[in-house]
Structure formats: structure tokens, C-alpha cells
Protein backbone atom coordinates (compact mmCIF):
# COMPACT_ATOMS: atom_id res chain seq x y z
CA MET A 1 21.35 -5.98 -7.98
CA ARG A 2 19.00 -2.82 -5.57
CA GLN A 3 16.93 -4.07 -4.49
CA GLU A 4 19.19 -6.89 -2.37
CA PHE A 5 18.26 -5.90 1.43
CA PHE A 6 15.28 -7.81 0.20
CA LEU A 7 15.33 -11.45 1.13
CA ALA A 8 12.62 -13.32 -0.88
CA ASN A 9 11.19 -16.42 0.60
CA HIS A 10 10.66 -17.42 -3.04
CA LYS A 11 12.35 -18.87 -5.86
CA SER A 12 9.42 -16.86 -7.63
CA ALA A 13 10.19 -13.91 -5.18
CA GLU A 14 13.82 -14.24 -6.40
CA LYS A 15 13.00 -13.62 -10.12
CA ARG A 16 11.04 -10.91 -9.89
CA ILE A 17 12.73 -9.19 -8.04
CA ARG A 18 15.24 -9.76 -10.92
CA GLN A 19 12.71 -9.21 -13.41
CA ASN A 20 12.44 -5.44 -11.67
CA GLU A 21 15.73 -4.25 -11.76
CA LYS A 22 15.55 -5.42 -15.84
CA ARG A 23 13.05 -3.24 -16.59
CA ARG A 24 13.70 -0.24 -14.36
CA MET A 25 17.14 -0.46 -15.64
CA ALA A 26 15.14 -0.56 -19.27
CA ASN A 27 13.47 2.15 -18.79
CA LYS A 28 15.93 4.16 -17.36
CA ARG A 29 18.01 3.96 -20.55
CA ILE A 30 14.96 5.18 -22.78
CA ARG A 31 13.88 8.04 -20.07
CA THR A 32 17.40 9.76 -20.46
CA ALA A 33 17.75 9.25 -23.92
CA MET A 34 14.49 10.45 -24.43
CA ARG A 35 15.24 14.04 -22.24
CA SER A 36 18.93 13.88 -23.93
CA VAL A 37 16.24 14.48 -27.29
CA VAL A 38 13.95 17.43 -25.52
CA LYS A 39 17.25 18.88 -24.00
CA ASN A 40 18.72 18.71 -27.49
CA CYS A 41 15.60 20.14 -29.19
CA ASN A 42 15.56 23.07 -26.58
CA THR A 43 19.08 24.01 -26.89
CA ALA A 44 17.85 24.25 -31.38
CA LEU A 45 15.05 26.76 -29.94
CA GLU A 46 17.19 28.34 -27.85
CA SER A 47 19.70 29.12 -30.85
CA GLY A 48 17.37 30.24 -33.09
CA ASP A 49 18.24 28.34 -35.91
CA ALA A 50 14.55 27.18 -38.30
CA ASP A 51 15.98 24.68 -40.08
CA ASP A 52 17.95 23.21 -37.08
CA ALA A 53 14.72 23.57 -34.89
CA LYS A 54 12.87 21.71 -36.57
CA GLN A 55 14.66 19.08 -37.54
CA LYS A 56 15.77 17.98 -33.80
CA PHE A 57 11.67 18.69 -32.47
CA ARG A 58 10.43 15.16 -35.16
CA ALA A 59 13.66 13.35 -33.15
CA ALA A 60 12.09 14.77 -29.69
CA GLU A 61 8.45 14.24 -30.77
CA ARG A 62 9.32 11.46 -32.10
CA SER A 63 11.19 10.09 -28.96
CA LEU A 64 8.96 11.30 -26.56
CA ARG A 65 5.53 9.35 -28.40
CA GLN A 66 7.71 6.41 -27.44
CA THR A 67 8.49 6.54 -24.26
CA ALA A 68 5.26 7.52 -23.12
CA SER A 69 3.69 4.35 -26.16
CA LYS A 70 5.47 2.03 -24.15
CA GLY A 71 4.59 2.81 -20.93
CA ILE A 72 7.71 4.98 -19.44
CA ILE A 73 6.14 8.28 -19.10
CA PRO A 74 2.11 8.94 -19.73
CA LYS A 75 0.41 9.90 -22.97
CA THR A 76 -0.61 13.43 -21.46
CA ARG A 77 2.78 14.07 -20.68
CA ALA A 78 3.89 13.51 -24.40
CA ASP A 79 1.77 15.52 -25.65
CA ARG A 80 2.22 18.34 -23.17
CA ALA A 81 5.28 18.27 -23.70
CA VAL A 82 5.11 18.04 -27.83
CA SER A 83 2.36 20.60 -27.50
CA ARG A 84 4.76 22.95 -26.09
CA LEU A 85 7.69 22.47 -28.01
CA ALA A 86 5.70 23.05 -30.99
CA LYS A 87 4.62 26.27 -29.59
CA ARG A 88 8.27 27.21 -29.43
CA LEU A 89 9.16 25.78 -32.95
CA ASN A 90 6.38 28.24 -34.69
CA ALA A 91 6.94 31.03 -32.99
CA LEU A 92 10.36 31.15 -34.07
CA SER A 93 9.14 30.31 -38.15
CA SER A 94 6.79 33.19 -38.04
């Protein structure tokens, strides 16, 4: 556990520490997975393969929107990231 150095004085405070740690680890897993999908999309965009890039873009957009809907990243950040990826995809397609 990460927050063991806090000595909780109440049973409810100990529970809150456990809950926070569990949520932090779940959020970390989701954020890491989202970053990996976005990285795969960027790699596909750099390779120049439009069909592969389109598939990876769909996956990246879905992952970004889901992460934002869970409150792990702000909605505006997800929108900005999707917009930047779409702009690169459109430049590749044309």
C-alpha cells in the first residue's frame, strides 16, 4: 500500500485509504492502456498506411472518450487529442 505512512486514527479513515489506493490503481491501468492505444495510432500514422491508421484511430478515439467519461482525464483533453489525431489522419488520407 502506498499511503501506509499515514496513521489513520479511525476505522473509516483506514477504509478510505484502502479505497483510494484501489481506485488509484484502477485509474492507472486505464490511463496506461489508453496511452498505449494512442501510441499505436501515432505509430500507424507515421508509417503512412492509411487503412491501418484508420483502424488504430477508431480504437484510440474510443479509448480516449471512455477514459474521459470515467473522469480519469478531462473531457477537453480527450477532445483535443482526438482532434489532433484526426487532423493527422486526414492529412495522410488526402
